[in-house]
Amino acid sequence: MTNMIFIPVSSSNQMPTPQKAPKYKKGDRVTQRGVIRLTTTRKQMRGINTKYNDPKRGIIKSDGYLDKPDKGGKRHYAYDVQWDGRTHTDRIRQNVIMLEDSE
């Protein structure tokens, strides 16, 4: 039986995963991916609140920045977005928004 020595690979020899660049710029018009739906059991409310069936739209007020790491240590780009009809900004991750179609 031969003696085999296990030598662990150090983390300095591994290639790091490249960080993705921010997709959007300050002043871009964006919309939220997916649709927020209002569900209710009240018969008189159905069909009245049609504004809840559209995705939110807004303007990016800051350049992309890395937010806090999640449980796995991964960091994502986030933006401060001011949605239409609101006065304050919300911190939104890059994977939740997309550029609005220019019509």
N, C-alpha and C. Protein backbone atom coordinates (compact mmCIF):
# COMPACT_ATOMS: atom_id res chain seq x y z
N MET A 1 0.86 -1.17 0.00
CA MET A 1 0.00 0.00 0.00
C MET A 1 0.90 1.23 0.00
N THR A 2 0.61 2.13 -0.91
CA THR A 2 1.42 3.34 -0.99
C THR A 2 0.78 4.43 -0.15
N ASN A 3 1.61 5.25 0.40
CA ASN A 3 1.12 6.37 1.19
C ASN A 3 0.80 7.53 0.26
N MET A 4 -0.48 7.90 0.23
CA MET A 4 -0.89 9.02 -0.61
C MET A 4 -1.10 10.23 0.28
N ILE A 5 -0.59 11.33 -0.14
CA ILE A 5 -0.73 12.57 0.61
C ILE A 5 -1.71 13.46 -0.14
N PHE A 6 -2.70 13.92 0.58
CA PHE A 6 -3.70 14.82 0.01
C PHE A 6 -3.24 16.25 0.24
N ILE A 7 -3.07 16.99 -0.83
CA ILE A 7 -2.67 18.39 -0.73
C ILE A 7 -3.85 19.23 -1.19
N PRO A 8 -4.47 19.98 -0.28
CA PRO A 8 -5.61 20.79 -0.69
C PRO A 8 -5.17 21.94 -1.59
N VAL A 9 -6.05 22.28 -2.51
CA VAL A 9 -5.77 23.40 -3.40
C VAL A 9 -6.06 24.68 -2.65
N SER A 10 -5.10 25.57 -2.63
CA SER A 10 -5.31 26.83 -1.91
C SER A 10 -6.22 27.74 -2.72
N SER A 11 -6.89 28.62 -2.04
CA SER A 11 -7.83 29.50 -2.72
C SER A 11 -7.11 30.53 -3.58
N SER A 12 -5.82 30.76 -3.33
CA SER A 12 -5.10 31.74 -4.13
C SER A 12 -4.80 31.22 -5.53
N ASN A 13 -4.81 29.89 -5.72
CA ASN A 13 -4.53 29.31 -7.03
C ASN A 13 -5.78 29.21 -7.89
N GLN A 14 -6.96 29.34 -7.30
CA GLN A 14 -8.20 29.22 -8.06
C GLN A 14 -8.51 30.54 -8.76
N MET A 15 -9.13 30.41 -9.93
CA MET A 15 -9.53 31.61 -10.67
C MET A 15 -10.81 32.18 -10.05
N PRO A 16 -10.83 33.46 -9.76
CA PRO A 16 -12.06 34.03 -9.18
C PRO A 16 -13.15 34.16 -10.25
N THR A 17 -14.38 34.09 -9.81
CA THR A 17 -15.50 34.29 -10.72
C THR A 17 -15.57 35.77 -11.05
N PRO A 18 -15.60 36.13 -12.32
CA PRO A 18 -15.62 37.56 -12.65
C PRO A 18 -16.94 38.20 -12.22
N GLN A 19 -16.83 39.40 -11.70
CA GLN A 19 -18.00 40.15 -11.24
C GLN A 19 -18.71 40.75 -12.46
N LYS A 20 -20.02 40.59 -12.53
CA LYS A 20 -20.77 41.17 -13.64
C LYS A 20 -20.81 42.69 -13.48
N ALA A 21 -20.85 43.36 -14.59
CA ALA A 21 -20.92 44.82 -14.58
C ALA A 21 -22.36 45.27 -14.46
N PRO A 22 -22.60 46.48 -13.95
CA PRO A 22 -23.98 46.98 -13.89
C PRO A 22 -24.56 47.15 -15.30
N LYS A 23 -25.83 46.79 -15.46
CA LYS A 23 -26.48 46.84 -16.77
C LYS A 23 -27.05 48.21 -17.11
N TYR A 24 -27.47 48.95 -16.11
CA TYR A 24 -28.22 50.18 -16.34
C TYR A 24 -27.44 51.39 -15.86
N LYS A 25 -27.83 52.56 -16.38
CA LYS A 25 -27.18 53.80 -16.00
C LYS A 25 -28.18 54.72 -15.31
N LYS A 26 -27.65 55.73 -14.66
CA LYS A 26 -28.49 56.72 -14.00
C LYS A 26 -29.34 57.43 -15.06
N GLY A 27 -30.63 57.56 -14.79
CA GLY A 27 -31.54 58.22 -15.71
C GLY A 27 -32.27 57.29 -16.65
N ASP A 28 -31.94 55.98 -16.64
CA ASP A 28 -32.63 55.02 -17.50
C ASP A 28 -34.06 54.82 -17.02
N ARG A 29 -34.96 54.62 -17.95
CA ARG A 29 -36.36 54.33 -17.64
C ARG A 29 -36.52 52.82 -17.59
N VAL A 30 -36.98 52.32 -16.44
CA VAL A 30 -37.07 50.87 -16.24
C VAL A 30 -38.49 50.48 -15.84
N THR A 31 -38.76 49.20 -15.97
CA THR A 31 -40.02 48.63 -15.53
C THR A 31 -39.72 47.37 -14.72
N GLN A 32 -40.62 47.01 -13.86
CA GLN A 32 -40.43 45.85 -13.01
C GLN A 32 -40.74 44.58 -13.77
N ARG A 33 -39.90 43.56 -13.58
CA ARG A 33 -40.17 42.26 -14.23
C ARG A 33 -41.35 41.61 -13.53
N GLY A 34 -42.18 40.95 -14.31
CA GLY A 34 -43.35 40.30 -13.72
C GLY A 34 -44.46 41.29 -13.46
N VAL A 35 -45.57 40.79 -13.00
CA VAL A 35 -46.75 41.62 -12.76
C VAL A 35 -47.22 41.38 -11.34
N ILE A 36 -47.53 42.47 -10.64
CA ILE A 36 -48.11 42.35 -9.30
C ILE A 36 -49.63 42.29 -9.48
N ARG A 37 -50.24 41.28 -8.96
CA ARG A 37 -51.69 41.12 -9.10
C ARG A 37 -52.37 41.30 -7.75
N LEU A 38 -53.49 41.98 -7.79
CA LEU A 38 -54.29 42.16 -6.59
C LEU A 38 -55.34 41.06 -6.57
N THR A 39 -55.32 40.26 -5.51
CA THR A 39 -56.33 39.21 -5.39
C THR A 39 -57.25 39.57 -4.23
N THR A 40 -58.52 39.47 -4.48
CA THR A 40 -59.50 39.78 -3.45
C THR A 40 -60.72 38.88 -3.63
N THR A 41 -61.43 38.70 -2.55
CA THR A 41 -62.65 37.89 -2.61
C THR A 41 -63.88 38.77 -2.70
N ARG A 42 -63.68 40.09 -2.60
CA ARG A 42 -64.82 41.00 -2.66
C ARG A 42 -65.26 41.19 -4.11
N LYS A 43 -66.51 40.89 -4.39
CA LYS A 43 -67.00 40.91 -5.76
C LYS A 43 -66.99 42.32 -6.34
N GLN A 44 -67.27 43.34 -5.53
CA GLN A 44 -67.34 44.69 -6.06
C GLN A 44 -65.96 45.29 -6.35
N MET A 45 -64.87 44.67 -5.85
CA MET A 45 -63.53 45.19 -6.08
C MET A 45 -62.92 44.65 -7.38
N ARG A 46 -63.46 43.58 -7.91
CA ARG A 46 -62.88 43.00 -9.12
C ARG A 46 -63.13 43.91 -10.31
N GLY A 47 -62.08 44.15 -11.08
CA GLY A 47 -62.20 44.99 -12.26
C GLY A 47 -62.02 46.47 -11.98
N ILE A 48 -62.15 46.89 -10.74
CA ILE A 48 -61.99 48.31 -10.41
C ILE A 48 -60.52 48.68 -10.29
N ASN A 49 -59.74 47.85 -9.59
CA ASN A 49 -58.33 48.15 -9.35
C ASN A 49 -57.46 47.58 -10.46
N THR A 50 -57.63 48.09 -11.66
CA THR A 50 -56.85 47.58 -12.79
C THR A 50 -55.41 48.08 -12.74
N LYS A 51 -55.11 49.13 -11.98
CA LYS A 51 -53.75 49.64 -11.91
C LYS A 51 -52.81 48.63 -11.26
N TYR A 52 -53.33 47.68 -10.50
CA TYR A 52 -52.49 46.68 -9.86
C TYR A 52 -52.10 45.56 -10.82
N ASN A 53 -52.67 45.53 -12.01
CA ASN A 53 -52.34 44.50 -12.98
C ASN A 53 -51.20 44.92 -13.90
N ASP A 54 -50.66 46.11 -13.74
CA ASP A 54 -49.55 46.59 -14.56
C ASP A 54 -48.26 46.58 -13.74
N PRO A 55 -47.12 46.33 -14.39
CA PRO A 55 -45.85 46.41 -13.66
C PRO A 55 -45.51 47.86 -13.33
N LYS A 56 -44.74 48.04 -12.27
CA LYS A 56 -44.33 49.39 -11.89
C LYS A 56 -43.30 49.92 -12.89
N ARG A 57 -43.34 51.22 -13.11
CA ARG A 57 -42.39 51.88 -13.99
C ARG A 57 -41.75 53.02 -13.24
N GLY A 58 -40.47 53.28 -13.55
CA GLY A 58 -39.79 54.36 -12.86
C GLY A 58 -38.47 54.73 -13.52
N ILE A 59 -37.72 55.60 -12.84
CA ILE A 59 -36.45 56.12 -13.33
C ILE A 59 -35.36 55.79 -12.31
N ILE A 60 -34.21 55.35 -12.81
CA ILE A 60 -33.07 55.06 -11.94
C ILE A 60 -32.44 56.38 -11.51
N LYS A 61 -32.29 56.58 -10.20
CA LYS A 61 -31.78 57.83 -9.65
C LYS A 61 -30.32 57.73 -9.21
N SER A 62 -29.71 56.53 -9.26
CA SER A 62 -28.31 56.38 -8.85
C SER A 62 -27.61 55.38 -9.75
N ASP A 63 -26.30 55.46 -9.77
CA ASP A 63 -25.52 54.46 -10.50
C ASP A 63 -25.58 53.14 -9.74
N GLY A 64 -25.26 52.05 -10.42
CA GLY A 64 -25.30 50.73 -9.79
C GLY A 64 -24.26 50.59 -8.71
N TYR A 65 -24.62 49.97 -7.60
CA TYR A 65 -23.70 49.72 -6.49
C TYR A 65 -23.94 48.31 -5.97
N LEU A 66 -22.91 47.74 -5.37
CA LEU A 66 -23.03 46.39 -4.82
C LEU A 66 -23.70 46.46 -3.46
N ASP A 67 -24.74 45.65 -3.28
CA ASP A 67 -25.43 45.63 -1.99
C ASP A 67 -24.75 44.63 -1.06
N LYS A 68 -25.33 44.46 0.12
CA LYS A 68 -24.74 43.57 1.11
C LYS A 68 -24.75 42.13 0.61
N PRO A 69 -23.76 41.33 1.01
CA PRO A 69 -23.76 39.93 0.57
C PRO A 69 -24.91 39.14 1.19
N ASP A 70 -25.42 38.17 0.41
CA ASP A 70 -26.48 37.31 0.93
C ASP A 70 -25.87 36.17 1.73
N LYS A 71 -26.67 35.17 2.09
CA LYS A 71 -26.18 34.07 2.92
C LYS A 71 -24.99 33.34 2.30
N GLY A 72 -25.00 33.21 0.98
CA GLY A 72 -23.91 32.50 0.30
C GLY A 72 -22.70 33.38 0.05
N GLY A 73 -22.78 34.66 0.41
CA GLY A 73 -21.66 35.56 0.21
C GLY A 73 -21.68 36.26 -1.13
N LYS A 74 -22.70 36.03 -1.95
CA LYS A 74 -22.78 36.64 -3.26
C LYS A 74 -23.35 38.05 -3.15
N ARG A 75 -22.78 38.95 -3.94
CA ARG A 75 -23.25 40.33 -3.94
C ARG A 75 -23.86 40.65 -5.30
N HIS A 76 -24.92 41.46 -5.29
CA HIS A 76 -25.64 41.81 -6.51
C HIS A 76 -25.63 43.33 -6.66
N TYR A 77 -25.74 43.77 -7.91
CA TYR A 77 -25.86 45.21 -8.14
C TYR A 77 -27.28 45.65 -7.83
N ALA A 78 -27.38 46.81 -7.23
CA ALA A 78 -28.68 47.39 -6.88
C ALA A 78 -28.70 48.84 -7.34
N TYR A 79 -29.89 49.38 -7.47
CA TYR A 79 -30.11 50.75 -7.92
C TYR A 79 -31.16 51.40 -7.05
N ASP A 80 -31.11 52.72 -6.97
CA ASP A 80 -32.18 53.47 -6.32
C ASP A 80 -33.15 53.89 -7.42
N VAL A 81 -34.38 53.37 -7.36
CA VAL A 81 -35.37 53.61 -8.40
C VAL A 81 -36.52 54.41 -7.80
N GLN A 82 -36.91 55.47 -8.51
CA GLN A 82 -38.08 56.23 -8.10
C GLN A 82 -39.23 55.83 -9.02
N TRP A 83 -40.20 55.13 -8.45
CA TRP A 83 -41.35 54.67 -9.23
C TRP A 83 -42.27 55.84 -9.54
N ASP A 84 -43.02 55.73 -10.62
CA ASP A 84 -43.95 56.79 -11.02
C ASP A 84 -45.01 56.97 -9.94
N GLY A 85 -45.30 58.22 -9.59
CA GLY A 85 -46.32 58.52 -8.60
C GLY A 85 -45.81 58.47 -7.17
N ARG A 86 -44.52 58.27 -6.95
CA ARG A 86 -43.97 58.23 -5.59
C ARG A 86 -42.88 59.28 -5.45
N THR A 87 -42.65 59.73 -4.23
CA THR A 87 -41.65 60.77 -3.99
C THR A 87 -40.33 60.21 -3.50
N HIS A 88 -40.32 59.01 -2.94
CA HIS A 88 -39.08 58.44 -2.40
C HIS A 88 -38.52 57.38 -3.36
N THR A 89 -37.29 56.97 -3.10
CA THR A 89 -36.66 55.94 -3.93
C THR A 89 -36.61 54.62 -3.18
N ASP A 90 -36.59 53.52 -3.93
CA ASP A 90 -36.48 52.18 -3.37
C ASP A 90 -35.21 51.53 -3.90
N ARG A 91 -34.55 50.73 -3.05
CA ARG A 91 -33.37 49.98 -3.47
C ARG A 91 -33.87 48.71 -4.16
N ILE A 92 -33.53 48.57 -5.45
CA ILE A 92 -34.01 47.46 -6.26
C ILE A 92 -32.81 46.75 -6.87
N ARG A 93 -32.81 45.41 -6.80
CA ARG A 93 -31.72 44.64 -7.40
C ARG A 93 -31.83 44.62 -8.92
N GLN A 94 -30.68 44.39 -9.55
CA GLN A 94 -30.59 44.43 -11.00
C GLN A 94 -31.45 43.38 -11.68
N ASN A 95 -31.63 42.22 -11.04
CA ASN A 95 -32.39 41.15 -11.68
C ASN A 95 -33.89 41.33 -11.58
N VAL A 96 -34.36 42.37 -10.92
CA VAL A 96 -35.80 42.61 -10.75
C VAL A 96 -36.34 43.60 -11.77
N ILE A 97 -35.44 44.37 -12.40
CA ILE A 97 -35.89 45.41 -13.33
C ILE A 97 -35.35 45.13 -14.73
N MET A 98 -35.97 45.78 -15.71
CA MET A 98 -35.50 45.72 -17.09
C MET A 98 -35.80 47.05 -17.75
N LEU A 99 -35.11 47.34 -18.85
CA LEU A 99 -35.35 48.58 -19.57
C LEU A 99 -36.76 48.60 -20.13
N GLU A 100 -37.40 49.76 -20.04
CA GLU A 100 -38.75 49.89 -20.58
C GLU A 100 -38.67 49.97 -22.10
N ASP A 101 -39.60 49.34 -22.77
CA ASP A 101 -39.63 49.38 -24.24
C ASP A 101 -39.92 50.80 -24.69
N SER A 102 -39.09 51.31 -25.58
CA SER A 102 -39.34 52.64 -26.11
C SER A 102 -40.32 52.52 -27.28
N GLU A 103 -41.44 53.14 -27.12
CA GLU A 103 -42.50 53.04 -28.15
C GLU A 103 -42.66 54.34 -28.87
